[in-house]
PDB file of N, CA and C in Angstrom:
ATOM      1  N   MET A   1      62.502 -81.377  -0.247  1.00  0.00           N
ATOM      2  CA  MET A   1      61.122 -81.412  -0.681  1.00  0.00           C
ATOM      3  C   MET A   1      60.723 -79.984  -1.292  1.00  0.00           C
ATOM      4  N   GLN A   2      60.255 -79.980  -2.462  1.00  0.00           N
ATOM      5  CA  GLN A   2      59.870 -78.885  -3.131  1.00  0.00           C
ATOM      6  C   GLN A   2      58.755 -77.930  -2.436  1.00  0.00           C
ATOM      7  N   GLY A   3      58.604 -76.631  -2.824  1.00  0.00           N
ATOM      8  CA  GLY A   3      57.497 -75.976  -2.430  1.00  0.00           C
ATOM      9  C   GLY A   3      56.143 -76.523  -2.772  1.00  0.00           C
ATOM     10  N   ILE A   4      55.170 -76.170  -1.984  1.00  0.00           N
ATOM     11  CA  ILE A   4      53.768 -76.548  -2.171  1.00  0.00           C
ATOM     12  C   ILE A   4      53.116 -75.387  -2.814  1.00  0.00           C
ATOM     13  N   LEU A   5      52.384 -75.824  -3.879  1.00  0.00           N
ATOM     14  CA  LEU A   5      51.617 -74.857  -4.623  1.00  0.00           C
ATOM     15  C   LEU A   5      50.267 -74.862  -4.163  1.00  0.00           C
ATOM     16  N   ILE A   6      49.801 -73.548  -3.575  1.00  0.00           N
ATOM     17  CA  ILE A   6      48.564 -73.532  -3.118  1.00  0.00           C
ATOM     18  C   ILE A   6      47.624 -72.438  -4.100  1.00  0.00           C
ATOM     19  N   ALA A   7      46.695 -73.324  -4.625  1.00  0.00           N
ATOM     20  CA  ALA A   7      45.796 -72.485  -5.392  1.00  0.00           C
ATOM     21  C   ALA A   7      44.983 -71.381  -4.596  1.00  0.00           C
ATOM     22  N   VAL A   8      45.235 -69.998  -5.098  1.00  0.00           N
ATOM     23  CA  VAL A   8      44.360 -69.183  -4.446  1.00  0.00           C
ATOM     24  C   VAL A   8      43.351 -68.595  -5.360  1.00  0.00           C
ATOM     25  N   SER A   9      41.963 -68.469  -4.811  1.00  0.00           N
ATOM     26  CA  SER A   9      41.004 -68.026  -5.764  1.00  0.00           C
ATOM     27  C   SER A   9      41.143 -66.534  -6.258  1.00  0.00           C
ATOM     28  N   GLU A  10      40.539 -66.244  -7.281  1.00  0.00           N
ATOM     29  CA  GLU A  10      40.431 -64.941  -7.878  1.00  0.00           C
ATOM     30  C   GLU A  10      39.771 -63.775  -6.755  1.00  0.00           C
ATOM     31  N   HIS A  11      38.791 -64.397  -6.077  1.00  0.00           N
ATOM     32  CA  HIS A  11      38.336 -63.420  -5.117  1.00  0.00           C
ATOM     33  C   HIS A  11      39.462 -63.180  -3.937  1.00  0.00           C
ATOM     34  N   GLU A  12      40.153 -64.126  -3.417  1.00  0.00           N
ATOM     35  CA  GLU A  12      40.969 -64.319  -2.498  1.00  0.00           C
ATOM     36  C   GLU A  12      42.037 -63.141  -2.891  1.00  0.00           C
ATOM     37  N   LEU A  13      42.477 -63.279  -4.032  1.00  0.00           N
ATOM     38  CA  LEU A  13      43.756 -62.318  -4.594  1.00  0.00           C
ATOM     39  C   LEU A  13      43.272 -60.936  -4.657  1.00  0.00           C
ATOM     40  N   LEU A  14      41.929 -60.656  -5.222  1.00  0.00           N
ATOM     41  CA  LEU A  14      41.420 -59.269  -5.329  1.00  0.00           C
ATOM     42  C   LEU A  14      41.216 -58.851  -4.161  1.00  0.00           C
ATOM     43  N   SER A  15      40.810 -59.406  -3.139  1.00  0.00           N
ATOM     44  CA  SER A  15      40.772 -59.169  -1.776  1.00  0.00           C
ATOM     45  C   SER A  15      41.728 -58.357  -1.155  1.00  0.00           C
ATOM     46  N   ARG A  16      43.064 -58.686  -1.606  1.00  0.00           N
ATOM     47  CA  ARG A  16      44.337 -58.059  -1.288  1.00  0.00           C
ATOM     48  C   ARG A  16      44.426 -56.670  -1.918  1.00  0.00           C
ATOM     49  N   ILE A  17      43.568 -56.275  -2.736  1.00  0.00           N
ATOM     50  CA  ILE A  17      43.714 -54.914  -3.275  1.00  0.00           C
ATOM     51  C   ILE A  17      42.489 -53.918  -2.604  1.00  0.00           C
ATOM     52  N   THR A  18      43.087 -52.962  -1.949  1.00  0.00           N
ATOM     53  CA  THR A  18      42.062 -52.231  -1.048  1.00  0.00           C
ATOM     54  C   THR A  18      42.166 -50.775  -1.551  1.00  0.00           C
ATOM     55  N   ARG A  19      41.002 -49.929  -1.236  1.00  0.00           N
ATOM     56  CA  ARG A  19      41.072 -48.542  -1.420  1.00  0.00           C
ATOM     57  C   ARG A  19      40.503 -47.774  -0.297  1.00  0.00           C
ATOM     58  N   ASP A  20      41.203 -46.863   0.134  1.00  0.00           N
ATOM     59  CA  ASP A  20      40.787 -46.135   1.258  1.00  0.00           C
ATOM     60  C   ASP A  20      41.236 -44.623   1.025  1.00  0.00           C
ATOM     61  N   PRO A  21      40.401 -43.760   1.347  1.00  0.00           N
ATOM     62  CA  PRO A  21      40.613 -42.227   0.807  1.00  0.00           C
ATOM     63  C   PRO A  21      41.708 -41.716   1.622  1.00  0.00           C
ATOM     64  N   ASN A  22      42.014 -42.399   2.776  1.00  0.00           N
ATOM     65  CA  ASN A  22      43.071 -41.724   3.704  1.00  0.00           C
ATOM     66  C   ASN A  22      44.493 -42.551   3.424  1.00  0.00           C
ATOM     67  N   ILE A  23      44.582 -43.354   2.440  1.00  0.00           N
ATOM     68  CA  ILE A  23      45.921 -44.112   2.003  1.00  0.00           C
ATOM     69  C   ILE A  23      45.968 -43.813   0.519  1.00  0.00           C
ATOM     70  N   CYS A  24      47.033 -43.097   0.321  1.00  0.00           N
ATOM     71  CA  CYS A  24      47.448 -42.977  -1.064  1.00  0.00           C
ATOM     72  C   CYS A  24      46.329 -42.318  -2.078  1.00  0.00           C
ATOM     73  N   HIS A  25      45.736 -41.275  -1.124  1.00  0.00           N
ATOM     74  CA  HIS A  25      44.602 -40.488  -2.042  1.00  0.00           C
ATOM     75  C   HIS A  25      43.457 -41.365  -2.519  1.00  0.00           C
ATOM     76  N   GLY A  26      43.273 -42.508  -2.096  1.00  0.00           N
ATOM     77  CA  GLY A  26      42.180 -43.449  -2.494  1.00  0.00           C
ATOM     78  C   GLY A  26      42.465 -44.262  -3.482  1.00  0.00           C
ATOM     79  N   LYS A  27      43.873 -44.398  -4.003  1.00  0.00           N
ATOM     80  CA  LYS A  27      44.205 -45.131  -5.129  1.00  0.00           C
ATOM     81  C   LYS A  27      44.242 -46.579  -4.751  1.00  0.00           C
ATOM     82  N   PRO A  28      44.060 -47.502  -5.567  1.00  0.00           N
ATOM     83  CA  PRO A  28      44.104 -49.020  -5.214  1.00  0.00           C
ATOM     84  C   PRO A  28      45.475 -49.284  -4.722  1.00  0.00           C
ATOM     85  N   VAL A  29      45.577 -49.946  -3.540  1.00  0.00           N
ATOM     86  CA  VAL A  29      46.946 -50.509  -2.927  1.00  0.00           C
ATOM     87  C   VAL A  29      46.869 -51.758  -2.571  1.00  0.00           C
ATOM     88  N   VAL A  30      48.027 -52.221  -2.223  1.00  0.00           N
ATOM     89  CA  VAL A  30      48.073 -53.781  -1.873  1.00  0.00           C
ATOM     90  C   VAL A  30      48.158 -53.811  -0.335  1.00  0.00           C
ATOM     91  N   ARG A  31      46.952 -54.514  -0.044  1.00  0.00           N
ATOM     92  CA  ARG A  31      46.599 -54.712   1.555  1.00  0.00           C
ATOM     93  C   ARG A  31      46.828 -53.476   2.347  1.00  0.00           C
ATOM     94  N   GLY A  32      46.496 -52.466   2.014  1.00  0.00           N
ATOM     95  CA  GLY A  32      46.538 -51.098   2.584  1.00  0.00           C
ATOM     96  C   GLY A  32      47.948 -50.787   3.139  1.00  0.00           C
ATOM     97  N   LEU A  33      48.966 -51.186   2.382  1.00  0.00           N
ATOM     98  CA  LEU A  33      50.386 -51.159   2.778  1.00  0.00           C
ATOM     99  C   LEU A  33      50.779 -49.874   2.099  1.00  0.00           C
ATOM    100  N   ARG A  34      50.307 -49.082   1.494  1.00  0.00           N
ATOM    101  CA  ARG A  34      50.751 -47.857   0.667  1.00  0.00           C
ATOM    102  C   ARG A  34      51.693 -48.213  -0.549  1.00  0.00           C
ATOM    103  N   TYR A  35      51.459 -49.395  -1.036  1.00  0.00           N
ATOM    104  CA  TYR A  35      52.034 -49.844  -2.384  1.00  0.00           C
ATOM    105  C   TYR A  35      50.959 -49.650  -3.377  1.00  0.00           C
ATOM    106  N   PRO A  36      50.871 -48.603  -4.209  1.00  0.00           N
ATOM    107  CA  PRO A  36      49.887 -48.477  -5.100  1.00  0.00           C
ATOM    108  C   PRO A  36      49.935 -49.727  -6.168  1.00  0.00           C
ATOM    109  N   VAL A  37      48.803 -50.243  -6.703  1.00  0.00           N
ATOM    110  CA  VAL A  37      48.926 -51.049  -7.754  1.00  0.00           C
ATOM    111  C   VAL A  37      49.650 -50.855  -8.836  1.00  0.00           C
ATOM    112  N   SER A  38      49.515 -49.450  -9.216  1.00  0.00           N
ATOM    113  CA  SER A  38      50.389 -48.865 -10.334  1.00  0.00           C
ATOM    114  C   SER A  38      51.704 -48.987 -10.062  1.00  0.00           C
ATOM    115  N   THR A  39      52.314 -48.748  -8.936  1.00  0.00           N
ATOM    116  CA  THR A  39      53.584 -48.828  -8.765  1.00  0.00           C
ATOM    117  C   THR A  39      54.333 -50.294  -8.993  1.00  0.00           C
ATOM    118  N   VAL A  40      53.454 -51.189  -8.363  1.00  0.00           N
ATOM    119  CA  VAL A  40      53.846 -52.711  -8.333  1.00  0.00           C
ATOM    120  C   VAL A  40      53.836 -52.996 -10.010  1.00  0.00           C
ATOM    121  N   LEU A  41      52.806 -52.432 -10.734  1.00  0.00           N
ATOM    122  CA  LEU A  41      52.897 -52.873 -12.265  1.00  0.00           C
ATOM    123  C   LEU A  41      54.127 -52.273 -12.799  1.00  0.00           C
ATOM    124  N   GLU A  42      54.574 -50.998 -12.605  1.00  0.00           N
ATOM    125  CA  GLU A  42      55.620 -50.354 -13.054  1.00  0.00           C
ATOM    126  C   GLU A  42      56.732 -50.995 -12.580  1.00  0.00           C
ATOM    127  N   TRP A  43      57.035 -51.531 -11.504  1.00  0.00           N
ATOM    128  CA  TRP A  43      58.213 -52.389 -11.224  1.00  0.00           C
ATOM    129  C   TRP A  43      58.335 -53.608 -12.127  1.00  0.00           C
ATOM    130  N   LEU A  44      57.297 -54.199 -12.292  1.00  0.00           N
ATOM    131  CA  LEU A  44      57.184 -55.570 -13.077  1.00  0.00           C
ATOM    132  C   LEU A  44      57.408 -55.155 -14.595  1.00  0.00           C
ATOM    133  N   ALA A  45      56.905 -53.897 -15.189  1.00  0.00           N
ATOM    134  CA  ALA A  45      57.060 -53.613 -16.459  1.00  0.00           C
ATOM    135  C   ALA A  45      58.389 -53.204 -16.671  1.00  0.00           C
ATOM    136  N   SER A  46      59.240 -52.649 -15.652  1.00  0.00           N
ATOM    137  CA  SER A  46      60.636 -52.166 -15.739  1.00  0.00           C
ATOM    138  C   SER A  46      61.511 -53.422 -15.977  1.00  0.00           C
ATOM    139  N   GLY A  47      61.130 -54.571 -15.714  1.00  0.00           N
ATOM    140  CA  GLY A  47      61.914 -55.816 -15.778  1.00  0.00           C
ATOM    141  C   GLY A  47      62.276 -56.454 -14.501  1.00  0.00           C
ATOM    142  N   MET A  48      61.775 -55.871 -13.334  1.00  0.00           N
ATOM    143  CA  MET A  48      62.322 -56.352 -12.127  1.00  0.00           C
ATOM    144  C   MET A  48      61.509 -57.729 -11.984  1.00  0.00           C
ATOM    145  N   THR A  49      62.079 -58.575 -11.418  1.00  0.00           N
ATOM    146  CA  THR A  49      61.581 -59.954 -11.128  1.00  0.00           C
ATOM    147  C   THR A  49      60.587 -59.914  -9.994  1.00  0.00           C
ATOM    148  N   ALA A  50      59.836 -60.906  -9.749  1.00  0.00           N
ATOM    149  CA  ALA A  50      59.009 -61.069  -8.461  1.00  0.00           C
ATOM    150  C   ALA A  50      60.017 -61.172  -7.447  1.00  0.00           C
ATOM    151  N   GLU A  51      61.142 -62.010  -7.488  1.00  0.00           N
ATOM    152  CA  GLU A  51      61.912 -62.279  -6.525  1.00  0.00           C
ATOM    153  C   GLU A  51      62.739 -60.985  -6.110  1.00  0.00           C
ATOM    154  N   GLU A  52      63.000 -60.175  -7.040  1.00  0.00           N
ATOM    155  CA  GLU A  52      63.824 -58.697  -6.593  1.00  0.00           C
ATOM    156  C   GLU A  52      62.927 -57.838  -5.851  1.00  0.00           C
ATOM    157  N   ILE A  53      61.577 -57.832  -6.138  1.00  0.00           N
ATOM    158  CA  ILE A  53      60.422 -57.022  -5.636  1.00  0.00           C
ATOM    159  C   ILE A  53      60.340 -57.396  -4.276  1.00  0.00           C
ATOM    160  N   LEU A  54      60.199 -58.700  -4.107  1.00  0.00           N
ATOM    161  CA  LEU A  54      60.039 -59.310  -2.646  1.00  0.00           C
ATOM    162  C   LEU A  54      61.312 -59.074  -1.838  1.00  0.00           C
ATOM    163  N   GLN A  55      62.419 -59.253  -2.507  1.00  0.00           N
ATOM    164  CA  GLN A  55      63.603 -58.904  -1.687  1.00  0.00           C
ATOM    165  C   GLN A  55      63.772 -57.634  -1.334  1.00  0.00           C
ATOM    166  N   ASP A  56      63.268 -56.577  -2.183  1.00  0.00           N
ATOM    167  CA  ASP A  56      63.450 -55.081  -1.795  1.00  0.00           C
ATOM    168  C   ASP A  56      62.280 -54.703  -0.791  1.00  0.00           C
ATOM    169  N   TYR A  57      61.115 -55.316  -0.959  1.00  0.00           N
ATOM    170  CA  TYR A  57      59.991 -54.927  -0.312  1.00  0.00           C
ATOM    171  C   TYR A  57      59.434 -56.226   0.610  1.00  0.00           C
ATOM    172  N   PRO A  58      60.131 -56.578   1.722  1.00  0.00           N
ATOM    173  CA  PRO A  58      59.933 -57.942   2.351  1.00  0.00           C
ATOM    174  C   PRO A  58      58.570 -57.913   3.064  1.00  0.00           C
ATOM    175  N   ASP A  59      57.695 -56.683   3.133  1.00  0.00           N
ATOM    176  CA  ASP A  59      56.383 -56.740   3.511  1.00  0.00           C
ATOM    177  C   ASP A  59      55.267 -57.104   2.611  1.00  0.00           C
ATOM    178  N   LEU A  60      55.879 -57.284   1.253  1.00  0.00           N
ATOM    179  CA  LEU A  60      55.037 -57.942   0.194  1.00  0.00           C
ATOM    180  C   LEU A  60      55.226 -59.319   0.011  1.00  0.00           C
ATOM    181  N   GLU A  61      54.212 -60.029  -0.499  1.00  0.00           N
ATOM    182  CA  GLU A  61      54.238 -61.279  -0.654  1.00  0.00           C
ATOM    183  C   GLU A  61      53.923 -61.708  -2.114  1.00  0.00           C
ATOM    184  N   MET A  62      54.111 -62.900  -2.500  1.00  0.00           N
ATOM    185  CA  MET A  62      53.980 -63.156  -4.099  1.00  0.00           C
ATOM    186  C   MET A  62      52.504 -63.104  -4.264  1.00  0.00           C
ATOM    187  N   ASP A  63      51.701 -63.450  -3.591  1.00  0.00           N
ATOM    188  CA  ASP A  63      50.195 -63.369  -3.985  1.00  0.00           C
ATOM    189  C   ASP A  63      49.763 -61.857  -3.934  1.00  0.00           C
ATOM    190  N   ASP A  64      50.610 -61.014  -3.424  1.00  0.00           N
ATOM    191  CA  ASP A  64      50.264 -59.362  -3.618  1.00  0.00           C
ATOM    192  C   ASP A  64      50.762 -59.157  -5.096  1.00  0.00           C
ATOM    193  N   LEU A  65      51.687 -59.589  -5.556  1.00  0.00           N
ATOM    194  CA  LEU A  65      52.086 -59.404  -7.003  1.00  0.00           C
ATOM    195  C   LEU A  65      50.971 -59.855  -8.025  1.00  0.00           C
ATOM    196  N   ARG A  66      50.679 -61.134  -7.448  1.00  0.00           N
ATOM    197  CA  ARG A  66      49.588 -61.726  -8.447  1.00  0.00           C
ATOM    198  C   ARG A  66      48.147 -60.989  -8.306  1.00  0.00           C
ATOM    199  N   ALA A  67      47.883 -60.356  -7.352  1.00  0.00           N
ATOM    200  CA  ALA A  67      46.729 -59.721  -7.086  1.00  0.00           C
ATOM    201  C   ALA A  67      46.865 -58.373  -7.921  1.00  0.00           C
ATOM    202  N   ALA A  68      48.021 -57.779  -7.900  1.00  0.00           N
ATOM    203  CA  ALA A  68      48.177 -56.546  -8.664  1.00  0.00           C
ATOM    204  C   ALA A  68      47.974 -56.799  -9.980  1.00  0.00           C
ATOM    205  N   LEU A  69      48.432 -57.938 -10.700  1.00  0.00           N
ATOM    206  CA  LEU A  69      48.381 -58.260 -12.166  1.00  0.00           C
ATOM    207  C   LEU A  69      46.801 -58.555 -12.280  1.00  0.00           C
ATOM    208  N   LEU A  70      46.326 -59.372 -11.599  1.00  0.00           N
ATOM    209  CA  LEU A  70      44.816 -59.748 -11.648  1.00  0.00           C
ATOM    210  C   LEU A  70      43.959 -58.593 -11.853  1.00  0.00           C
ATOM    211  N   TYR A  71      44.166 -57.550 -10.924  1.00  0.00           N
ATOM    212  CA  TYR A  71      43.419 -56.212 -10.973  1.00  0.00           C
ATOM    213  C   TYR A  71      43.606 -55.567 -12.091  1.00  0.00           C
ATOM    214  N   ALA A  72      44.715 -55.536 -12.517  1.00  0.00           N
ATOM    215  CA  ALA A  72      45.103 -54.884 -13.789  1.00  0.00           C
ATOM    216  C   ALA A  72      44.304 -55.558 -15.043  1.00  0.00           C
ATOM    217  N   ALA A  73      44.495 -56.992 -15.086  1.00  0.00           N
ATOM    218  CA  ALA A  73      43.728 -57.714 -16.070  1.00  0.00           C
ATOM    219  C   ALA A  73      42.261 -57.452 -16.094  1.00  0.00           C
ATOM    220  N   ARG A  74      41.586 -57.410 -15.093  1.00  0.00           N
ATOM    221  CA  ARG A  74      40.227 -57.080 -14.705  1.00  0.00           C
ATOM    222  C   ARG A  74      39.735 -55.847 -15.272  1.00  0.00           C
ATOM    223  N   LEU A  75      40.629 -54.669 -14.914  1.00  0.00           N
ATOM    224  CA  LEU A  75      40.437 -53.698 -15.573  1.00  0.00           C
ATOM    225  C   LEU A  75      40.428 -53.398 -16.924  1.00  0.00           C
ATOM    226  N   SER A  76      41.323 -54.094 -17.654  1.00  0.00           N
ATOM    227  CA  SER A  76      41.415 -54.223 -19.041  1.00  0.00           C
ATOM    228  C   SER A  76      40.331 -54.733 -19.648  1.00  0.00           C
ATOM    229  N   GLU A  77      39.428 -55.240 -19.125  1.00  0.00           N
ATOM    230  CA  GLU A  77      38.312 -55.955 -19.569  1.00  0.00           C
ATOM    231  C   GLU A  77      37.074 -55.043 -19.755  1.00  0.00           C
ATOM    232  N   VAL A  78      37.340 -53.722 -19.489  1.00  0.00           N
ATOM    233  CA  VAL A  78      36.289 -52.740 -19.471  1.00  0.00           C
ATOM    234  C   VAL A  78      35.796 -52.660 -20.969  1.00  0.00           C
ATOM    235  N   LYS A  79      34.625 -52.890 -21.178  1.00  0.00           N
ATOM    236  CA  LYS A  79      33.886 -53.054 -22.476  1.00  0.00           C
ATOM    237  C   LYS A  79      34.058 -51.715 -23.332  1.00  0.00           C
ATOM    238  N   ARG A  80      33.729 -50.646 -22.600  1.00  0.00           N
ATOM    239  CA  ARG A  80      33.601 -49.166 -23.342  1.00  0.00           C
ATOM    240  C   ARG A  80      34.110 -48.155 -22.441  1.00  0.00           C
ATOM    241  N   VAL A  81      34.747 -47.300 -23.005  1.00  0.00           N
ATOM    242  CA  VAL A  81      35.219 -46.159 -22.150  1.00  0.00           C
ATOM    243  C   VAL A  81      34.673 -44.900 -22.898  1.00  0.00           C
ATOM    244  N   GLU A  82      33.741 -44.060 -21.929  1.00  0.00           N
ATOM    245  CA  GLU A  82      33.230 -42.928 -22.502  1.00  0.00           C
ATOM    246  C   GLU A  82      34.284 -41.697 -22.299  1.00  0.00           C
ATOM    247  N   LEU A  83      34.399 -40.857 -23.532  1.00  0.00           N
ATOM    248  CA  LEU A  83      35.441 -39.863 -23.358  1.00  0.00           C
ATOM    249  C   LEU A  83      34.395 -38.620 -23.455  1.00  0.00           C
ATOM    250  N   PHE A  84      34.838 -37.634 -22.532  1.00  0.00           N
ATOM    251  CA  PHE A  84      33.893 -36.487 -22.393  1.00  0.00           C
ATOM    252  C   PHE A  84      34.720 -35.254 -23.037  1.00  0.00           C
ATOM    253  N   ALA A  85      34.075 -34.490 -23.759  1.00  0.00           N
ATOM    254  CA  ALA A  85      34.720 -33.180 -24.211  1.00  0.00           C
ATOM    255  C   ALA A  85      34.777 -32.143 -23.050  1.00  0.00           C
ATOM    256  N   ARG A  86      36.076 -31.561 -23.214  1.00  0.00           N
ATOM    257  CA  ARG A  86      36.331 -30.526 -22.020  1.00  0.00           C
ATOM    258  C   ARG A  86      35.668 -29.185 -22.334  1.00  0.00           C
TER     259      ARG A  86
END
């Protein structure tokens, strides 16, 4: 029997990304586990497969990786960035 695909809502995925000033200096992390979203994205960008990441970091789940990607996608939708002179 093949694996069952369970649809996870965008809200459910994004709820996996948390921010706490006492964890990783308040950076967005996966489920409070001290895995910054930026680190997960760097692993994926470096060419690591989801399977490799999950094998190396067994406390992460596939939906955590999806959540990090969705979080980055939502951040990229920012319409305007204000630059301030120093």
